[in-house]
Amino acid sequence: MKYTYKHTRYACYISYIIGAVINNFASLLFVVFNRDLNISLEHISLLITTNFAVQLVVDFLGAKYVDRIGYRRTLIFAMIASCAGLTSMGILPFVMPPFTGLIISVFIYAVGSGLLEVMVSPTIEALPSDAKRSSMSLLHSFYSWGSMFVIIASTLYFKIFGLDNWRYLCFIWALIPLANIYLFTKVPIIPFGADKEVTPFRTIFKTKLFWVFVVLMMSAGASEIAMSQWASLFAETGLKVSKTTGDLLGPCMFALLMGIGRLIYGKYGEKLPLIKSMKVSALICICGYLMASLIKNPFLALIGCGLCGFGVAIMWPGTLSLAAKYCNFGGTAIFGLLAMSGDLGCCLGPYTVAKVSTYFTLYGSELKAGLLFSIIFPVILIIAAMYLTYTIKNRKEI
C-alpha cells in the first residue's frame, strides 16, 4: 500500500483523539477517585496540574531538540508514552498507594501528550494546502470529537460494566496510540520550516509579537480547561444531577459545541477575519461562564457549559494559525513554545478554579465560585487580541 499525505492527515487526526483521551478520561473518574480511592479534591486538582505541567516541560524540551531528533522518531515515541501511561493507570493504583499510582501514570502519558502538541500542528501546517487556517481548525476539531467519543463511550461502558471496572477501560483506550504507532512508521512527513534557518531561542524571546501570542495561548488554554476539566464534577455535585446526565450534558455538550465551532471555522475560516472572530468567541465564552456560575436552574447552567465550548473553539487553533503566519521564522520551536504557553494556561485554569472554590461558596456550590472567577481568562484574551490588532494594524489580513 502506498501511503500519501492523506494518510499523514489521518494519523494526525487520530493523534488529537489520543490527546482528548488523555486530557478527558481521568476527569470522568474524579468522583470515583474521591469516593472509592479516598483522594481529596486538592489532590485531584494536583493530577490535573501534573498532567499539564509535565506537558509544559515537554513542550519546551521538544521545541528545543525535536529538529535534532527528527519528526518521525518523536511522533512514534509520543505514541509509545501515551499507550504506556494509559495502560499503567489501569494497573499502578491497585499495586501501590492509589494517588502515587495515578500520579505516575499521569506523568507518563503527559509526556506523550506534550510531544503530540509540539509535533502534530506543525506536521499539518507543513503539508501542501491552500487553506492553512481551515486545515488547522479541522485538525483541532478532532480533539473535540475525540472528547465526545471518550465521554459517550466511557459513559456507555460504565452503564454496562459498572464504575468499579473502570481500570479495564484504560487498556481499551491504550489500543488507539498502539495502532497509531504503525501509521507514523509509514506515512510521509515534512518537517515544518525545513527550508529555513533555525532561529535561536534568544532571538525568538526578544520578539515582542511572540509574547503577545504567548498571552493568547495561555488565555486560550485556561479558558478551555477551566471549564472542561471540572464540568463533570460540577454537574454532579453543584447541579445535583446523576453522573450519566452530568457527563453527557456537561463535558459532552462542551465538546460537541467546541467541535461544531471548529468545523464552522474549518469551512469558512479563510473568509472570516480571524482576530475579530476570536474576540467574539471570547465574549461568548464569558457569557457561558456567567450562565454556569450564576444561574440556579441546572439545565440552563449546563447550557452555559456548552456555550463555553463554542466560545473557546477557535482560540487555540486560531492562535497557532496566526503565529504560523506572523512568527513563522521560529520553525518548530514556535509551535513548541506556544504549546508550552497553552499548557501553562491549562495548569492555571483548573488550579484557579480549585483554589478559588476552596475559599468561597456561591449558591451552595463551591465550584461555581471558581468558575465565575474564570471569566478573567477570556477577558485577558480579548485584551491581547486588541493589542495584536494594534501591533499589526497596517496588514490587510487583520
Protein backbone atom coordinates (compact mmCIF):
# COMPACT_ATOMS: atom_id res chain seq x y z
CA MET A 1 0.00 0.00 0.00
CA LYS A 2 1.29 3.45 -0.93
CA TYR A 3 0.92 5.98 1.89
CA THR A 4 0.25 9.61 0.94
CA TYR A 5 -0.21 12.94 2.69
CA LYS A 6 -3.86 11.97 3.14
CA HIS A 7 -2.73 9.19 5.47
CA THR A 8 -0.46 11.65 7.27
CA ARG A 9 -3.53 13.78 7.99
CA TYR A 10 -5.39 10.71 9.28
CA ALA A 11 -2.52 9.89 11.64
CA CYS A 12 -2.55 13.48 12.92
CA TYR A 13 -6.33 13.40 13.41
CA ILE A 14 -6.01 10.18 15.43
CA SER A 15 -3.26 11.84 17.48
CA TYR A 16 -5.66 14.57 18.54
CA ILE A 17 -8.21 11.93 19.52
CA ILE A 18 -5.49 10.41 21.70
CA GLY A 19 -4.88 13.83 23.24
CA ALA A 20 -8.60 14.02 24.01
CA VAL A 21 -8.46 10.62 25.73
CA ILE A 22 -5.51 11.71 27.86
CA ASN A 23 -6.99 15.05 28.89
CA ASN A 24 -10.59 13.96 29.44
CA PHE A 25 -10.79 10.33 30.55
CA ALA A 26 -9.40 10.85 34.05
CA SER A 27 -11.74 13.81 34.66
CA LEU A 28 -14.71 11.44 34.25
CA LEU A 29 -13.37 9.45 37.20
CA PHE A 30 -12.83 12.29 39.68
CA VAL A 31 -15.87 11.26 41.72
CA VAL A 32 -14.62 7.65 41.75
CA PHE A 33 -11.14 8.75 42.80
CA ASN A 34 -12.63 10.84 45.58
CA ARG A 35 -15.21 8.31 46.79
CA ASP A 36 -13.50 4.94 46.27
CA LEU A 37 -9.79 5.78 46.41
CA ASN A 38 -10.11 8.49 49.12
CA ILE A 39 -8.31 11.12 47.07
CA SER A 40 -9.14 14.68 48.12
CA LEU A 41 -10.32 17.45 45.79
CA GLU A 42 -6.98 19.21 46.26
CA HIS A 43 -5.06 16.06 45.27
CA ILE A 44 -7.37 15.60 42.28
CA SER A 45 -6.52 19.13 41.17
CA LEU A 46 -2.85 18.10 41.53
CA LEU A 47 -3.45 15.33 38.99
CA ILE A 48 -4.73 17.93 36.51
CA THR A 49 -1.85 20.28 37.27
CA THR A 50 0.73 17.49 36.93
CA ASN A 51 -0.68 16.48 33.56
CA PHE A 52 -0.34 19.95 32.08
CA ALA A 53 2.85 20.85 33.99
CA VAL A 54 4.64 17.82 32.53
CA GLN A 55 3.27 18.68 29.10
CA LEU A 56 4.59 22.20 29.61
CA VAL A 57 8.14 20.97 30.30
CA VAL A 58 7.98 18.50 27.41
CA ASP A 59 6.76 21.31 25.12
CA PHE A 60 9.85 23.36 25.97
CA LEU A 61 12.27 20.47 25.53
CA GLY A 62 10.53 19.40 22.34
CA ALA A 63 10.77 22.90 20.91
CA LYS A 64 14.49 22.88 21.60
CA TYR A 65 15.50 19.39 20.48
CA VAL A 66 12.85 17.93 18.16
CA ASP A 67 14.55 19.15 14.97
CA ARG A 68 17.67 17.23 16.02
CA ILE A 69 15.79 14.07 16.97
CA GLY A 70 13.50 14.08 13.94
CA TYR A 71 9.75 14.30 13.47
CA ARG A 72 9.08 10.60 12.88
CA ARG A 73 11.03 9.34 15.89
CA THR A 74 9.42 11.91 18.17
CA LEU A 75 5.89 11.10 16.99
CA ILE A 76 6.43 7.36 17.47
CA PHE A 77 7.84 7.91 20.96
CA ALA A 78 4.82 10.10 21.78
CA MET A 79 2.53 7.20 20.83
CA ILE A 80 4.53 4.77 22.99
CA ALA A 81 4.38 7.08 26.03
CA SER A 82 0.64 7.67 25.58
CA CYS A 83 -0.02 3.93 25.38
CA ALA A 84 2.18 3.16 28.40
CA GLY A 85 0.59 5.87 30.55
CA LEU A 86 -2.97 4.77 29.87
CA THR A 87 -2.05 1.14 30.49
CA SER A 88 -0.32 1.94 33.79
CA MET A 89 -3.39 3.86 35.00
CA GLY A 90 -5.28 0.57 34.99
CA ILE A 91 -2.51 -1.19 36.94
CA LEU A 92 -0.45 1.03 39.26
CA PRO A 93 -3.24 2.41 41.54
CA PHE A 94 -4.00 -1.20 42.51
CA VAL A 95 -0.44 -2.31 43.29
CA MET A 96 0.74 0.77 45.24
CA PRO A 97 -0.84 3.72 47.08
CA PRO A 98 -3.62 4.87 44.69
CA PHE A 99 -2.56 8.51 44.41
CA THR A 100 1.06 7.53 43.77
CA GLY A 101 -0.01 5.13 41.04
CA LEU A 102 -2.22 7.73 39.42
CA ILE A 103 0.40 10.47 39.51
CA ILE A 104 2.99 8.18 37.88
CA SER A 105 0.52 7.20 35.15
CA VAL A 106 -0.40 10.83 34.53
CA PHE A 107 3.29 11.73 34.29
CA ILE A 108 3.94 9.04 31.65
CA TYR A 109 1.02 9.83 29.36
CA ALA A 110 1.57 13.58 29.79
CA VAL A 111 4.98 13.11 28.15
CA GLY A 112 3.24 11.61 25.13
CA SER A 113 0.55 14.27 25.03
CA GLY A 114 3.11 17.07 25.34
CA LEU A 115 5.10 15.75 22.40
CA LEU A 116 1.94 15.47 20.32
CA GLU A 117 1.15 19.12 20.98
CA VAL A 118 4.59 20.13 19.77
CA MET A 119 4.59 17.86 16.71
CA VAL A 120 1.12 17.45 15.24
CA SER A 121 0.24 21.08 14.45
CA PRO A 122 3.49 21.85 12.57
CA THR A 123 3.17 18.48 10.77
CA ILE A 124 -0.25 19.55 9.46
CA GLU A 125 0.95 23.08 8.76
CA ALA A 126 3.83 21.75 6.62
CA LEU A 127 1.59 19.59 4.40
CA PRO A 128 0.68 21.03 0.95
CA SER A 129 -2.56 23.03 1.29
CA ASP A 130 -4.11 26.30 0.09
CA ALA A 131 -6.26 26.64 3.22
CA LYS A 132 -3.90 26.61 6.20
CA ARG A 133 -6.36 28.16 8.68
CA SER A 134 -9.10 25.70 7.78
CA SER A 135 -6.72 22.75 7.98
CA MET A 136 -5.59 23.78 11.46
CA SER A 137 -9.15 24.28 12.69
CA LEU A 138 -10.24 20.93 11.22
CA LEU A 139 -7.33 19.21 12.94
CA HIS A 140 -8.27 20.67 16.31
CA SER A 141 -11.91 19.73 15.78
CA PHE A 142 -10.80 16.11 16.13
CA TYR A 143 -9.83 16.89 19.72
CA SER A 144 -13.45 17.90 20.28
CA TRP A 145 -14.88 14.84 18.54
CA GLY A 146 -12.39 12.71 20.44
CA SER A 147 -13.58 14.26 23.70
CA MET A 148 -17.19 13.46 22.82
CA PHE A 149 -16.27 9.94 21.85
CA VAL A 150 -14.39 9.40 25.12
CA ILE A 151 -17.28 10.73 27.20
CA ILE A 152 -20.06 8.84 25.39
CA ALA A 153 -18.13 5.56 25.06
CA SER A 154 -16.95 5.72 28.69
CA THR A 155 -20.46 6.51 29.93
CA LEU A 156 -21.83 3.56 27.95
CA TYR A 157 -19.09 1.31 29.35
CA PHE A 158 -19.86 2.41 32.93
CA LYS A 159 -23.56 1.74 32.42
CA ILE A 160 -22.89 -1.78 31.12
CA PHE A 161 -19.93 -2.90 33.23
CA GLY A 162 -20.14 -0.54 36.21
CA LEU A 163 -17.81 2.13 37.57
CA ASP A 164 -15.92 -0.46 39.61
CA ASN A 165 -14.43 -1.84 36.38
CA TRP A 166 -13.05 1.48 35.14
CA ARG A 167 -9.48 0.12 35.15
CA TYR A 168 -10.16 -2.16 32.16
CA LEU A 169 -11.32 0.78 30.08
CA CYS A 170 -7.79 2.20 30.44
CA PHE A 171 -6.47 -0.79 28.49
CA ILE A 172 -9.06 -0.28 25.75
CA TRP A 173 -8.11 3.37 25.28
CA ALA A 174 -4.42 2.40 25.17
CA LEU A 175 -5.08 0.46 21.94
CA ILE A 176 -5.55 3.70 19.95
CA PRO A 177 -1.97 5.04 20.33
CA LEU A 178 -0.70 1.48 19.90
CA ALA A 179 -2.36 1.32 16.47
CA ASN A 180 -1.19 4.83 15.51
CA ILE A 181 2.44 3.80 16.01
CA TYR A 182 2.15 1.76 12.82
CA LEU A 183 0.78 4.69 10.81
CA PHE A 184 3.60 7.01 11.83
CA THR A 185 6.18 4.44 10.73
CA LYS A 186 4.72 4.52 7.20
CA VAL A 187 3.28 7.95 6.32
CA PRO A 188 5.30 10.72 4.60
CA ILE A 189 6.27 13.58 6.91
CA ILE A 190 7.54 17.07 6.03
CA PRO A 191 9.30 18.97 8.85
CA PHE A 192 7.84 22.46 9.27
CA GLY A 193 10.29 25.22 8.31
CA ALA A 194 12.81 22.71 6.96
CA ASP A 195 13.75 25.19 4.23
CA LYS A 196 14.51 27.95 6.73
CA GLU A 197 17.39 28.59 9.07
CA VAL A 198 16.63 27.62 12.69
CA THR A 199 16.11 30.73 14.82
CA PRO A 200 17.82 30.71 18.26
CA PHE A 201 15.56 30.92 21.32
CA ARG A 202 17.24 34.18 22.31
CA THR A 203 16.06 35.83 19.09
CA ILE A 204 12.53 34.47 19.49
CA PHE A 205 12.30 35.71 23.08
CA LYS A 206 13.35 39.21 22.01
CA THR A 207 10.46 39.46 19.55
CA LYS A 208 7.58 41.41 21.13
CA LEU A 209 4.98 39.84 18.87
CA PHE A 210 5.92 36.39 20.17
CA TRP A 211 4.97 37.40 23.72
CA VAL A 212 1.55 38.55 22.53
CA PHE A 213 0.98 35.05 21.18
CA VAL A 214 2.18 33.60 24.49
CA VAL A 215 -0.54 35.55 26.34
CA LEU A 216 -3.14 34.49 23.77
CA MET A 217 -2.21 30.81 24.16
CA MET A 218 -2.21 30.97 27.96
CA SER A 219 -5.63 32.60 27.93
CA ALA A 220 -6.96 30.08 25.40
CA GLY A 221 -5.72 27.11 27.43
CA ALA A 222 -7.05 28.45 30.72
CA SER A 223 -10.44 29.41 29.22
CA GLU A 224 -10.92 25.93 27.77
CA ILE A 225 -9.61 23.65 30.51
CA ALA A 226 -11.01 25.57 33.48
CA MET A 227 -14.46 24.50 32.33
CA SER A 228 -13.85 21.17 30.57
CA GLN A 229 -11.88 19.57 33.42
CA TRP A 230 -14.45 20.43 36.11
CA ALA A 231 -17.66 20.13 34.06
CA SER A 232 -18.41 16.55 35.10
CA LEU A 233 -17.81 17.10 38.83
CA PHE A 234 -19.60 20.46 38.64
CA ALA A 235 -22.69 18.86 37.14
CA GLU A 236 -22.77 16.03 39.69
CA THR A 237 -22.03 17.95 42.89
CA GLY A 238 -23.05 21.50 42.09
CA LEU A 239 -26.15 20.88 39.99
CA LYS A 240 -27.17 17.63 41.71
CA VAL A 241 -27.66 15.58 38.54
CA SER A 242 -26.64 11.93 38.04
CA LYS A 243 -23.17 11.01 36.77
CA THR A 244 -24.57 9.86 33.40
CA THR A 245 -26.55 13.08 32.97
CA GLY A 246 -23.64 15.16 34.19
CA ASP A 247 -21.15 13.59 31.78
CA LEU A 248 -23.46 13.76 28.78
CA LEU A 249 -24.80 17.28 29.38
CA GLY A 250 -21.64 18.77 30.92
CA PRO A 251 -18.31 17.87 29.27
CA CYS A 252 -20.04 16.17 26.33
CA MET A 253 -22.05 19.27 25.42
CA PHE A 254 -18.89 21.33 25.90
CA ALA A 255 -17.00 19.09 23.44
CA LEU A 256 -19.89 18.99 20.94
CA LEU A 257 -20.23 22.76 20.66
CA MET A 258 -16.45 23.20 20.60
CA GLY A 259 -16.26 20.73 17.71
CA ILE A 260 -19.10 22.47 15.86
CA GLY A 261 -17.34 25.81 16.28
CA ARG A 262 -14.12 24.40 14.86
CA LEU A 263 -15.91 22.75 11.95
CA ILE A 264 -17.65 26.02 11.10
CA TYR A 265 -14.37 27.87 11.12
CA GLY A 266 -12.73 24.99 9.26
CA LYS A 267 -15.22 25.51 6.42
CA TYR A 268 -15.46 29.30 6.36
CA GLY A 269 -12.25 30.29 8.13
CA GLU A 270 -10.49 31.63 5.04
CA LYS A 271 -13.33 34.15 4.55
CA LEU A 272 -13.59 35.36 8.16
CA PRO A 273 -11.30 37.84 9.97
CA LEU A 274 -9.56 35.58 12.48
CA ILE A 275 -8.71 38.07 15.20
CA LYS A 276 -12.20 39.60 15.22
CA SER A 277 -13.66 36.08 15.33
CA MET A 278 -11.51 35.28 18.37
CA LYS A 279 -12.74 38.39 20.18
CA VAL A 280 -16.37 37.42 19.56
CA SER A 281 -15.59 33.87 20.71
CA ALA A 282 -14.14 35.20 23.95
CA LEU A 283 -17.33 37.19 24.60
CA ILE A 284 -19.40 34.03 24.04
CA CYS A 285 -17.11 32.20 26.46
CA ILE A 286 -17.67 34.89 29.10
CA CYS A 287 -21.44 34.53 28.70
CA GLY A 288 -21.09 30.77 29.15
CA TYR A 289 -19.11 31.11 32.36
CA LEU A 290 -21.64 33.60 33.74
CA MET A 291 -24.55 31.27 32.93
CA ALA A 292 -22.86 28.25 34.51
CA SER A 293 -21.86 30.04 37.69
CA LEU A 294 -24.76 32.45 38.37
CA ILE A 295 -27.91 30.71 37.11
CA LYS A 296 -29.54 28.37 39.62
CA ASN A 297 -31.52 26.36 37.06
CA PRO A 298 -29.43 23.17 36.39
CA PHE A 299 -30.46 22.88 32.73
CA LEU A 300 -29.54 26.50 31.91
CA ALA A 301 -26.29 26.16 33.85
CA LEU A 302 -25.37 23.13 31.75
CA ILE A 303 -26.23 25.13 28.61
CA GLY A 304 -23.65 27.60 29.90
CA CYS A 305 -21.06 24.80 29.99
CA GLY A 306 -21.80 24.03 26.35
CA LEU A 307 -21.70 27.70 25.37
CA CYS A 308 -18.19 27.88 26.81
CA GLY A 309 -17.20 25.07 24.46
CA PHE A 310 -18.43 27.01 21.43
CA GLY A 311 -16.68 30.12 22.71
CA VAL A 312 -13.26 28.52 23.13
CA ALA A 313 -13.49 26.62 19.81
CA ILE A 314 -11.13 28.73 17.71
CA MET A 315 -8.98 30.24 20.46
CA TRP A 316 -6.20 27.61 20.43
CA PRO A 317 -6.09 26.72 16.69
CA GLY A 318 -6.66 30.37 15.77
CA THR A 319 -3.65 31.49 17.78
CA LEU A 320 -1.47 28.80 16.19
CA SER A 321 -2.61 29.83 12.70
CA LEU A 322 -1.80 33.47 13.40
CA ALA A 323 1.59 32.54 14.86
CA ALA A 324 2.41 30.36 11.84
CA LYS A 325 1.75 33.40 9.68
CA TYR A 326 3.33 36.22 11.67
CA CYS A 327 6.02 34.34 13.67
CA ASN A 328 6.99 31.69 11.14
CA PHE A 329 10.69 32.48 11.48
CA GLY A 330 10.93 30.18 14.52
CA GLY A 331 10.04 26.91 12.77
CA THR A 332 9.01 24.03 15.02
CA ALA A 333 10.30 25.93 18.07
CA ILE A 334 7.43 28.44 17.80
CA PHE A 335 4.85 25.65 17.98
CA GLY A 336 6.62 24.07 20.92
CA LEU A 337 6.91 27.31 22.86
CA LEU A 338 3.29 28.24 22.17
CA ALA A 339 2.14 24.74 23.16
CA MET A 340 4.09 25.26 26.38
CA SER A 341 2.28 28.57 26.90
CA GLY A 342 -1.07 26.91 26.25
CA ASP A 343 -0.27 24.16 28.76
CA LEU A 344 0.72 26.80 31.30
CA GLY A 345 -2.78 28.19 30.87
CA CYS A 346 -4.19 24.65 31.14
CA CYS A 347 -2.43 24.34 34.50
CA LEU A 348 -3.52 27.77 35.66
CA GLY A 349 -7.21 27.43 34.73
CA PRO A 350 -8.21 24.32 36.73
CA TYR A 351 -5.86 25.26 39.58
CA THR A 352 -7.52 28.67 39.84
CA VAL A 353 -10.97 27.07 39.91
CA ALA A 354 -9.88 24.70 42.70
CA LYS A 355 -8.20 27.41 44.78
CA VAL A 356 -10.99 29.95 44.50
CA SER A 357 -13.56 27.25 45.18
CA THR A 358 -11.71 26.28 48.36
CA TYR A 359 -12.23 29.73 49.87
CA PHE A 360 -15.63 30.77 48.57
CA THR A 361 -19.09 29.29 48.44
CA LEU A 362 -21.63 30.62 45.95
CA TYR A 363 -25.24 29.47 45.75
CA GLY A 364 -24.37 26.39 47.75
CA SER A 365 -21.74 25.15 45.30
CA GLU A 366 -18.01 25.70 45.77
CA LEU A 367 -17.15 25.13 42.11
CA LYS A 368 -19.49 27.89 40.97
CA ALA A 369 -17.29 30.46 42.69
CA GLY A 370 -14.19 29.17 40.89
CA LEU A 371 -15.95 29.10 37.53
CA LEU A 372 -17.22 32.65 37.99
CA PHE A 373 -13.69 33.88 38.64
CA SER A 374 -12.53 32.13 35.45
CA ILE A 375 -14.07 34.82 33.22
CA ILE A 376 -10.77 36.63 33.76
CA PHE A 377 -9.13 34.33 31.17
CA PRO A 378 -11.29 35.20 28.12
CA VAL A 379 -11.12 38.86 29.21
CA ILE A 380 -7.32 38.71 29.03
CA LEU A 381 -7.58 37.07 25.60
CA ILE A 382 -9.71 39.97 24.32
CA ILE A 383 -7.16 42.49 25.59
CA ALA A 384 -4.27 40.57 23.99
CA ALA A 385 -6.19 40.26 20.69
CA MET A 386 -6.81 44.01 20.68
CA TYR A 387 -3.11 44.63 21.24
CA LEU A 388 -2.25 42.20 18.43
CA THR A 389 -4.56 44.09 16.08
CA TYR A 390 -2.91 47.35 17.11
CA THR A 391 0.60 45.91 16.61
CA ILE A 392 -0.01 44.72 13.05
CA LYS A 393 -2.81 47.15 12.13
CA ASN A 394 -1.28 48.00 8.76
CA ARG A 395 -1.59 44.44 7.49
CA LYS A 396 -4.68 43.80 5.38
CA GLU A 397 -5.09 40.24 6.69
CA ILE A 398 -6.37 41.55 10.05
